[in-house]
Amino acid sequence: MSTQACSMCAVFEDHGANTENMLENVGPCRFNPPVSQLEAASRGLWPVVKSKDRCGHFETEVA
């Protein structure tokens, strides 16, 4: 796995990916703000990425 994969990034969260269902190897990316929803009562959702994905915004995790 690349050392700059999402799973190694400080802004990646390995959890339910915006739902209560546990999905493997995915999680929300917290680099950008959540995406707005059409209804005012709905909450915004974070972009969901795979743990092996990567982008140009990689930030090393602080131990």
C-alpha atoms as a PDB file:
ATOM      1  CA  MET A   1       0.000   0.000   0.000  1.00  0.00           C
ATOM      2  CA  SER A   2       1.229   3.502  -0.782  1.00  0.00           C
ATOM      3  CA  THR A   3       2.497   5.462   2.200  1.00  0.00           C
ATOM      4  CA  GLN A   4       0.222   8.283   1.005  1.00  0.00           C
ATOM      5  CA  ALA A   5      -2.991   6.238   0.955  1.00  0.00           C
ATOM      6  CA  CYS A   6      -6.117   7.697   2.565  1.00  0.00           C
ATOM      7  CA  SER A   7      -5.889   5.216   5.439  1.00  0.00           C
ATOM      8  CA  MET A   8      -2.570   6.839   6.440  1.00  0.00           C
ATOM      9  CA  CYS A   9      -3.883  10.411   6.152  1.00  0.00           C
ATOM     10  CA  ALA A  10      -4.628  12.661   9.134  1.00  0.00           C
ATOM     11  CA  VAL A  11      -8.030  13.705   7.724  1.00  0.00           C
ATOM     12  CA  PHE A  12      -9.357  10.173   7.025  1.00  0.00           C
ATOM     13  CA  GLU A  13     -11.678   8.531   9.553  1.00  0.00           C
ATOM     14  CA  ASP A  14     -12.071   4.780   9.454  1.00  0.00           C
ATOM     15  CA  HIS A  15     -15.688   4.322  10.561  1.00  0.00           C
ATOM     16  CA  GLY A  16     -19.263   3.950   9.319  1.00  0.00           C
ATOM     17  CA  ALA A  17     -18.881   6.262   6.317  1.00  0.00           C
ATOM     18  CA  ASN A  18     -21.831   8.611   6.971  1.00  0.00           C
ATOM     19  CA  THR A  19     -24.150   5.739   7.901  1.00  0.00           C
ATOM     20  CA  GLU A  20     -24.668   3.463  10.843  1.00  0.00           C
ATOM     21  CA  ASN A  21     -23.613   0.506   8.677  1.00  0.00           C
ATOM     22  CA  MET A  22     -20.005  -0.511   9.145  1.00  0.00           C
ATOM     23  CA  LEU A  23     -18.278  -0.707   5.781  1.00  0.00           C
ATOM     24  CA  GLU A  24     -14.805  -2.184   5.379  1.00  0.00           C
ATOM     25  CA  ASN A  25     -11.904  -0.201   3.945  1.00  0.00           C
ATOM     26  CA  VAL A  26     -13.841   3.063   3.513  1.00  0.00           C
ATOM     27  CA  GLY A  27     -14.384   6.193   5.530  1.00  0.00           C
ATOM     28  CA  PRO A  28     -15.120   9.887   5.282  1.00  0.00           C
ATOM     29  CA  CYS A  29     -12.428  12.328   4.193  1.00  0.00           C
ATOM     30  CA  ARG A  30     -12.485  15.423   6.397  1.00  0.00           C
ATOM     31  CA  PHE A  31     -10.271  17.632   4.205  1.00  0.00           C
ATOM     32  CA  ASN A  32     -13.201  19.555   2.691  1.00  0.00           C
ATOM     33  CA  PRO A  33     -16.437  20.554   4.449  1.00  0.00           C
ATOM     34  CA  PRO A  34     -19.424  18.220   4.226  1.00  0.00           C
ATOM     35  CA  VAL A  35     -21.616  18.400   1.135  1.00  0.00           C
ATOM     36  CA  SER A  36     -24.944  20.152   1.719  1.00  0.00           C
ATOM     37  CA  GLN A  37     -28.163  18.234   1.320  1.00  0.00           C
ATOM     38  CA  LEU A  38     -31.277  19.361  -0.549  1.00  0.00           C
ATOM     39  CA  GLU A  39     -33.531  19.492   2.501  1.00  0.00           C
ATOM     40  CA  ALA A  40     -32.831  22.002   5.251  1.00  0.00           C
ATOM     41  CA  ALA A  41     -33.430  19.401   7.976  1.00  0.00           C
ATOM     42  CA  SER A  42     -30.880  16.981   6.474  1.00  0.00           C
ATOM     43  CA  ARG A  43     -27.307  17.034   7.676  1.00  0.00           C
ATOM     44  CA  GLY A  44     -24.325  17.423   5.372  1.00  0.00           C
ATOM     45  CA  LEU A  45     -22.331  14.374   4.341  1.00  0.00           C
ATOM     46  CA  TRP A  46     -18.565  14.002   4.109  1.00  0.00           C
ATOM     47  CA  PRO A  47     -17.097  12.567   0.899  1.00  0.00           C
ATOM     48  CA  VAL A  48     -16.503   8.823   1.361  1.00  0.00           C
ATOM     49  CA  VAL A  49     -13.240   7.380   0.072  1.00  0.00           C
ATOM     50  CA  LYS A  50     -11.607   3.960   0.039  1.00  0.00           C
ATOM     51  CA  SER A  51      -8.697   3.406   2.400  1.00  0.00           C
ATOM     52  CA  LYS A  52      -6.352   2.700  -0.530  1.00  0.00           C
ATOM     53  CA  ASP A  53      -7.363   5.868  -2.431  1.00  0.00           C
ATOM     54  CA  ARG A  54      -5.130   8.913  -2.410  1.00  0.00           C
ATOM     55  CA  CYS A  55      -5.237  12.530  -3.507  1.00  0.00           C
ATOM     56  CA  GLY A  56      -3.096  15.650  -3.556  1.00  0.00           C
ATOM     57  CA  HIS A  57      -4.204  16.760  -0.082  1.00  0.00           C
ATOM     58  CA  PHE A  58      -2.420  14.021   1.878  1.00  0.00           C
ATOM     59  CA  GLU A  59      -1.428  15.034   5.419  1.00  0.00           C
ATOM     60  CA  THR A  60       0.746  12.789   7.567  1.00  0.00           C
ATOM     61  CA  GLU A  61      -0.981  11.536  10.710  1.00  0.00           C
ATOM     62  CA  VAL A  62       0.386  12.937  13.942  1.00  0.00           C
ATOM     63  CA  ALA A  63       1.171  10.145  16.389  1.00  0.00           C
END
